[in-house]
Amino acid sequence: MAALFPGRRLRLAIVSAVATSATHLLMHLALPQLVPAAWWLLAGEAMALAVEATAYALAGRDLARALVASGLANAASFAAGWLLLG
């Protein structure tokens, strides 16, 4: 986030923490109740990308950078979870 939004680091750090926490809770508490298990991961990742990119775009006023930041952050998080937890 800091590399993609220089000059707005504090604001984007706060928005990132709130958006990531919200999407994490939604993905692990709400989605399993609403989406079939076969689609849960795909739906959760898509929802996280969309919600977080929207939050970043509103705070950073740059949709293209927000999409890149959200995509990179979610890809890194997914890869770390896959590598660490199998």
Foldseek 3Di string as FASTA:
>chain_A
DCVLQPPLVVVLVVLQVVLVVVLVCCLPPPQPVPDPPVCSVVVSLVVSLVSQLVSCCVSRVDSVSSNVVSVVVSVVVVVVCVVVVD
